[in-house]
Every structure is written in C-alpha cells, then in structure tokens.
C-alpha cells in the first residue's frame, strides 16, 4: 500500500539525492576493460525518440523513473541498488522503443512494475517474489496472470535481450580505470557525484537518448568539472592540476568521439545546472 501511495504522490514531491562521499574504488586495474566490445552490444539497441510513437508523456515517464528508484531504495534500504534501477529504467525505455503497441500514461504503472521485476530477476541473487510484486508493489491493481502475461510480452518485444551493459555498469568500469582503489576525498567525491548525476539523468528524456557509454563518460567528466568548481582544485598525486588531463584520458579510455562528448557535456550542463530535469528538461527537451 505504501509504495503504491508513493507512486501517486510523486507529482508534487521533490527527491534530493545528496552526495555522502562514501563509495569504494579500486586503485589499480591489472587488465583493461573492453568497453568498446561492451558498447557494440548497445549499438544494436536504438533508443532515440523512444516515446515518439506513444501518447505516454515525458512527464509521466519521469514520474515512473522516480517511483522505480524509490521502490528499489525502499526494498533494499542501505544496500547499493543502482544496478537494479539502472537496468529497470533501460529495460522500460528500450521496450517503449521496440514495441509496435501505442502506450499511454495509464499503461506506465504496469510497464514500470514489469521492468522492476525483470531487473530484479537479472541483477539480484534473491529476486523480488511474484507475490511481493502483486501485493506490495502493484498493490493488487493487476492480477498475477496480467503481470505474468505482460512480463512475457516484454521479453518477446525485447527479443530476450535483457542483459545488455547499462549506463551504470559503464560508469563503474570507467571509475575503476580512473580511480582504482583510491579512497582519497577527491576520488570519492567525484564518483559519488557522478552516481548522483546519473540518478537525475534517468528522469531526463533527452539524456536517456544518448549512447549509454557516451553518457557515462560525460557524467564522470562533468563530475570532475563539478569538483574543481566547488573546491577550486583537482590535483594529481604530485599536487598538479590534472582535470583536463584526466578528462582527455577518460575520453580515450571510453573510445568516444570528442565532438560527441562535448555536445553531451553541453546538454548535460544546461539540464543539470537548471535544477529541473523533471519539470523542464524532461518534459520539454
């Protein structure tokens, strides 16, 4: 009942995900991560204009994303659940892109619930039970048969391709490359800030149309920029300014195009700085 009420109350609620600077990094990575190979999997998934064929609004999608995050935060408490809601959001967006059925605002609850269940099945060793989905998350709005039927329909629409790399997994891989096991304040701040920015970006229709590796690269580069703006420095171990050097290293590691990075960085700056990803950028962009 509580989760269901939260879904219908979120139109008027502000959710603030503040940095707590408590994140774990690895200092040295012995073998390079093949981000290019991982990215080739996502390139098979076109996600541009994924709402264009629907009457489902950007505002309602943004609301559903907030609710998905809230559901996982509520169920898992203090545990790190970023991989769960990252996959759930991407599953929802890819489904809306691939389906030939026209969906509206009234359908988003069932779509969101299905993607929550699917993400849990993929990412969690002890996934959410069907009875919990039916009773606690869906609040008996849908029957178990309806939930199972739509789950199967979603799988078929996705052509059973549900275990693709996500923006969150890209962000974690890039962070391992950049910071390793370092637990110094600068490294911890940057990665935690990047995680928070990504949480906001899930709600933005504009940002979610970018290639997820490019988005993760840009977010980490932007987090470095934010640290330098806030603290007045961004230094290497020798105390020299390394912000520009690290951003270029990041772009090289990810293998993304510099012009694409700069474009994504500019759009991210505009949307994140205006502090209204949901009401302005998510609905009008």
Protein backbone atom coordinates (compact mmCIF):
# COMPACT_ATOMS: atom_id res chain seq x y z
CA UNK A 1 0.00 0.00 0.00
CA UNK A 2 2.77 2.42 0.95
CA UNK A 3 4.71 2.01 -2.32
CA UNK A 4 1.52 2.38 -4.34
CA UNK A 5 0.64 5.60 -2.49
CA UNK A 6 4.14 6.94 -3.09
CA UNK A 7 3.72 6.42 -6.85
CA UNK A 8 0.61 8.61 -6.88
CA UNK A 9 2.10 11.26 -4.60
CA UNK A 10 5.33 11.88 -6.52
CA UNK A 11 3.90 14.54 -8.85
CA UNK A 12 4.28 17.06 -6.02
CA UNK A 13 7.35 15.65 -4.28
CA UNK A 14 10.98 16.69 -4.54
CA UNK A 15 13.53 13.90 -4.23
CA UNK A 16 17.04 15.05 -3.34
CA UNK A 17 19.84 12.53 -3.74
CA UNK A 18 22.71 14.20 -1.91
CA UNK A 19 26.29 13.10 -2.05
CA UNK A 20 27.50 11.28 1.03
CA UNK A 21 31.01 10.67 -0.27
CA UNK A 22 31.01 7.03 0.76
CA UNK A 23 31.93 4.99 -2.26
CA UNK A 24 34.55 2.31 -2.82
CA UNK A 25 37.12 2.48 -5.59
CA UNK A 26 39.95 0.27 -6.79
CA UNK A 27 43.35 1.86 -7.20
CA UNK A 28 44.89 -0.33 -9.86
CA UNK A 29 43.23 -2.35 -12.58
CA UNK A 30 45.50 -5.09 -13.88
CA UNK A 31 43.58 -5.86 -17.07
CA UNK A 32 41.84 -3.31 -19.32
CA UNK A 33 38.06 -3.47 -19.58
CA UNK A 34 36.82 -3.90 -23.13
CA UNK A 35 34.36 -1.03 -23.14
CA UNK A 36 34.32 -0.88 -26.93
CA UNK A 37 33.19 -4.50 -27.13
CA UNK A 38 30.54 -3.86 -24.48
CA UNK A 39 29.38 -0.76 -26.30
CA UNK A 40 28.94 -2.70 -29.53
CA UNK A 41 26.18 -4.63 -27.76
CA UNK A 42 24.30 -1.42 -27.03
CA UNK A 43 24.76 -0.09 -30.55
CA UNK A 44 22.35 -2.79 -31.63
CA UNK A 45 19.74 -1.03 -29.46
CA UNK A 46 18.44 2.21 -30.95
CA UNK A 47 16.88 4.36 -28.24
CA UNK A 48 16.47 7.72 -29.94
CA UNK A 49 12.96 9.21 -29.73
CA UNK A 50 11.69 6.18 -27.84
CA UNK A 51 8.43 7.94 -26.89
CA UNK A 52 7.64 9.30 -30.35
CA UNK A 53 5.10 6.59 -31.21
CA UNK A 54 3.31 6.76 -27.86
CA UNK A 55 0.90 9.09 -26.13
CA UNK A 56 2.80 8.39 -22.89
CA UNK A 57 4.13 11.77 -21.80
CA UNK A 58 7.71 12.64 -20.84
CA UNK A 59 6.40 13.90 -17.51
CA UNK A 60 4.71 10.60 -16.70
CA UNK A 61 7.80 8.65 -17.71
CA UNK A 62 9.90 10.88 -15.42
CA UNK A 63 7.46 10.24 -12.60
CA UNK A 64 7.69 6.49 -13.17
CA UNK A 65 11.50 6.62 -13.09
CA UNK A 66 11.37 8.39 -9.71
CA UNK A 67 9.00 5.75 -8.45
CA UNK A 68 11.21 2.88 -9.73
CA UNK A 69 14.18 4.36 -7.85
CA UNK A 70 12.03 4.81 -4.77
CA UNK A 71 10.80 1.20 -4.89
CA UNK A 72 14.33 -0.19 -5.00
CA UNK A 73 15.55 2.24 -2.32
CA UNK A 74 12.67 1.14 -0.09
CA UNK A 75 13.10 -2.59 -0.66
CA UNK A 76 16.89 -2.70 -0.40
CA UNK A 77 17.42 0.03 2.18
CA UNK A 78 21.09 0.89 2.63
CA UNK A 79 22.26 -1.68 0.09
CA UNK A 80 23.65 -0.43 -3.22
CA UNK A 81 20.82 -0.93 -5.70
CA UNK A 82 21.98 1.33 -8.54
CA UNK A 83 22.46 -1.61 -10.89
CA UNK A 84 18.84 -2.64 -10.32
CA UNK A 85 17.11 0.60 -11.14
CA UNK A 86 19.57 1.36 -13.94
CA UNK A 87 18.56 -1.85 -15.67
CA UNK A 88 14.86 -1.33 -14.90
CA UNK A 89 14.87 2.15 -16.46
CA UNK A 90 16.78 0.99 -19.54
CA UNK A 91 14.51 -2.02 -19.98
CA UNK A 92 11.49 0.28 -19.89
CA UNK A 93 12.94 2.72 -22.43
CA UNK A 94 14.12 0.01 -24.82
CA UNK A 95 10.74 -1.71 -24.58
CA UNK A 96 8.96 1.54 -25.47
CA UNK A 97 11.30 1.99 -28.42
CA UNK A 98 10.86 -1.54 -29.78
CA UNK A 99 7.16 -2.16 -29.23
CA UNK A 100 4.64 -1.63 -32.02
CA UNK A 101 1.84 -1.09 -29.48
CA UNK A 102 0.92 2.50 -28.65
CA UNK A 103 1.03 3.09 -24.89
CA UNK A 104 -0.34 5.99 -22.87
CA UNK A 105 0.07 7.40 -19.36
CA UNK A 106 -2.38 4.88 -17.94
CA UNK A 107 -0.11 2.00 -19.03
CA UNK A 108 3.09 3.20 -17.39
CA UNK A 109 2.43 1.58 -14.00
CA UNK A 110 2.25 -1.94 -15.46
CA UNK A 111 5.27 -1.29 -17.68
CA UNK A 112 7.28 0.02 -14.72
CA UNK A 113 6.29 -2.86 -12.45
CA UNK A 114 7.26 -5.37 -15.13
CA UNK A 115 10.68 -3.78 -15.62
CA UNK A 116 11.25 -3.72 -11.85
CA UNK A 117 10.54 -7.44 -11.73
CA UNK A 118 12.71 -8.17 -14.76
CA UNK A 119 15.64 -6.12 -13.44
CA UNK A 120 15.38 -7.94 -10.12
CA UNK A 121 15.48 -11.31 -11.91
CA UNK A 122 18.62 -10.29 -13.79
CA UNK A 123 20.60 -8.40 -11.15
CA UNK A 124 19.60 -9.91 -7.80
CA UNK A 125 20.55 -13.35 -6.48
CA UNK A 126 17.33 -13.22 -4.43
CA UNK A 127 14.89 -11.51 -6.79
CA UNK A 128 11.62 -9.93 -5.77
CA UNK A 129 8.97 -12.63 -5.44
CA UNK A 130 5.89 -12.53 -7.63
CA UNK A 131 3.62 -12.30 -4.60
CA UNK A 132 5.51 -9.21 -3.43
CA UNK A 133 5.14 -7.69 -6.88
CA UNK A 134 1.42 -8.39 -6.85
CA UNK A 135 0.65 -7.34 -3.30
CA UNK A 136 3.21 -4.70 -2.23
CA UNK A 137 4.44 -3.08 -5.45
CA UNK A 138 1.42 -3.38 -7.77
CA UNK A 139 -0.97 -3.17 -4.80
CA UNK A 140 -3.22 -5.76 -6.47
CA UNK A 141 -4.01 -3.34 -9.26
CA UNK A 142 -3.11 -6.10 -11.72
CA UNK A 143 -3.76 -9.81 -11.38
CA UNK A 144 -0.87 -12.27 -11.23
CA UNK A 145 -1.92 -13.53 -14.67
CA UNK A 146 -1.79 -9.99 -16.06
CA UNK A 147 1.67 -9.47 -14.56
CA UNK A 148 2.95 -12.75 -15.99
CA UNK A 149 1.39 -12.09 -19.38
CA UNK A 150 2.91 -8.63 -19.70
CA UNK A 151 6.28 -9.94 -18.47
CA UNK A 152 6.30 -12.45 -21.31
CA UNK A 153 5.16 -9.81 -23.78
CA UNK A 154 8.00 -7.55 -22.69
CA UNK A 155 10.56 -10.33 -23.08
CA UNK A 156 9.35 -11.08 -26.59
CA UNK A 157 9.40 -7.40 -27.55
CA UNK A 158 12.98 -7.14 -26.29
CA UNK A 159 13.79 -10.35 -28.20
CA UNK A 160 15.05 -11.73 -24.89
CA UNK A 161 17.99 -9.29 -24.98
CA UNK A 162 17.77 -8.10 -21.39
CA UNK A 163 21.32 -8.44 -20.04
CA UNK A 164 22.97 -5.66 -22.01
CA UNK A 165 25.51 -3.24 -20.44
CA UNK A 166 23.87 -0.28 -18.70
CA UNK A 167 24.92 3.31 -18.14
CA UNK A 168 25.62 2.36 -14.51
CA UNK A 169 27.89 -0.56 -15.44
CA UNK A 170 29.77 1.70 -17.86
CA UNK A 171 30.17 4.31 -15.14
CA UNK A 172 31.58 1.74 -12.70
CA UNK A 173 34.05 0.40 -15.27
CA UNK A 174 35.26 3.89 -16.17
CA UNK A 175 35.63 4.75 -12.49
CA UNK A 176 37.79 1.69 -11.94
CA UNK A 177 40.05 2.83 -14.76
CA UNK A 178 40.28 6.38 -13.47
CA UNK A 179 40.46 5.96 -9.70
CA UNK A 180 41.25 2.33 -8.91
CA UNK A 181 41.19 1.62 -5.16
CA UNK A 182 41.84 5.22 -4.19
CA UNK A 183 39.77 6.33 -1.22
CA UNK A 184 41.02 9.91 -1.05
CA UNK A 185 38.41 12.63 -0.74
CA UNK A 186 38.75 13.87 -4.32
CA UNK A 187 38.23 10.45 -5.91
CA UNK A 188 35.36 9.55 -3.60
CA UNK A 189 33.60 12.88 -4.17
CA UNK A 190 33.86 12.65 -7.95
CA UNK A 191 32.45 9.15 -8.21
CA UNK A 192 29.66 9.73 -5.73
CA UNK A 193 28.75 12.93 -7.54
CA UNK A 194 28.73 11.02 -10.84
CA UNK A 195 26.35 8.43 -9.37
CA UNK A 196 24.00 11.18 -8.19
CA UNK A 197 24.07 12.91 -11.57
CA UNK A 198 23.26 9.63 -13.30
CA UNK A 199 20.26 9.19 -11.00
CA UNK A 200 18.94 12.54 -12.14
CA UNK A 201 19.67 11.76 -15.78
CA UNK A 202 17.44 8.68 -15.72
CA UNK A 203 14.49 11.07 -15.42
CA UNK A 204 15.55 13.13 -18.45
CA UNK A 205 14.11 12.01 -21.77
CA UNK A 206 16.83 13.98 -23.55
CA UNK A 207 19.78 12.44 -21.68
CA UNK A 208 18.44 8.88 -21.93
CA UNK A 209 18.56 9.06 -25.72
CA UNK A 210 22.35 9.32 -25.68
CA UNK A 211 24.51 6.24 -26.13
CA UNK A 212 24.96 4.94 -22.59
CA UNK A 213 28.76 4.69 -22.74
CA UNK A 214 28.95 8.27 -24.02
CA UNK A 215 26.56 9.36 -21.27
CA UNK A 216 28.56 7.63 -18.52
CA UNK A 217 31.81 9.13 -19.86
CA UNK A 218 30.29 12.60 -19.96
CA UNK A 219 28.83 12.30 -16.46
CA UNK A 220 32.19 11.30 -14.98
CA UNK A 221 33.90 14.14 -16.84
CA UNK A 222 31.23 16.53 -15.58
CA UNK A 223 31.71 15.29 -12.01
CA UNK A 224 35.42 16.14 -12.30
CA UNK A 225 34.40 19.60 -13.52
CA UNK A 226 31.99 19.99 -10.58
CA UNK A 227 34.69 19.03 -8.05
CA UNK A 228 37.06 21.66 -9.44
CA UNK A 229 34.32 24.29 -9.43
CA UNK A 230 33.31 23.55 -5.84
CA UNK A 231 36.79 23.12 -4.34
CA UNK A 232 38.94 25.27 -6.60
CA UNK A 233 41.32 22.44 -7.41
CA UNK A 234 41.58 18.99 -8.96
CA UNK A 235 45.04 17.54 -8.47
CA UNK A 236 47.15 14.50 -9.22
CA UNK A 237 49.39 12.84 -6.62
CA UNK A 238 52.09 15.45 -7.26
CA UNK A 239 49.67 18.29 -6.47
CA UNK A 240 49.44 19.47 -10.10
CA UNK A 241 46.15 20.39 -11.76
CA UNK A 242 45.05 17.34 -13.73
CA UNK A 243 41.40 17.99 -14.54
CA UNK A 244 41.86 18.49 -18.30
CA UNK A 245 44.36 15.63 -18.49
CA UNK A 246 42.02 13.25 -16.69
CA UNK A 247 39.04 14.20 -18.85
CA UNK A 248 41.05 13.52 -22.02
CA UNK A 249 42.25 10.23 -20.53
CA UNK A 250 38.64 9.36 -19.77
CA UNK A 251 37.56 10.05 -23.37
CA UNK A 252 40.42 7.93 -24.68
CA UNK A 253 39.62 5.02 -22.36
CA UNK A 254 35.96 5.04 -23.37
CA UNK A 255 36.77 5.38 -27.05
CA UNK A 256 34.09 8.02 -27.56
CA UNK A 257 34.22 10.80 -30.11
CA UNK A 258 35.46 14.13 -28.69
CA UNK A 259 32.80 16.15 -30.51
CA UNK A 260 30.08 13.83 -29.22
CA UNK A 261 31.47 14.18 -25.69
CA UNK A 262 31.49 17.97 -25.94
CA UNK A 263 27.90 18.01 -27.22
CA UNK A 264 26.69 15.69 -24.47
CA UNK A 265 28.64 17.71 -21.88
CA UNK A 266 26.98 20.93 -23.03
CA UNK A 267 23.47 19.46 -22.89
CA UNK A 268 24.17 17.86 -19.51
CA UNK A 269 25.47 21.17 -18.15
CA UNK A 270 22.34 23.01 -19.32
CA UNK A 271 19.97 20.43 -17.87
CA UNK A 272 21.73 19.71 -14.61
CA UNK A 273 22.52 23.34 -13.83
CA UNK A 274 18.89 24.39 -14.26
CA UNK A 275 17.98 22.03 -11.36
CA UNK A 276 14.74 20.98 -13.03
CA UNK A 277 15.48 17.85 -15.01
CA UNK A 278 11.98 16.63 -14.35
CA UNK A 279 9.79 19.68 -14.84
CA UNK A 280 11.66 21.45 -17.64
CA UNK A 281 14.32 19.34 -19.27
CA UNK A 282 12.50 16.03 -19.03
CA UNK A 283 9.22 17.40 -20.28
CA UNK A 284 10.22 19.97 -22.87
CA UNK A 285 13.51 18.70 -24.28
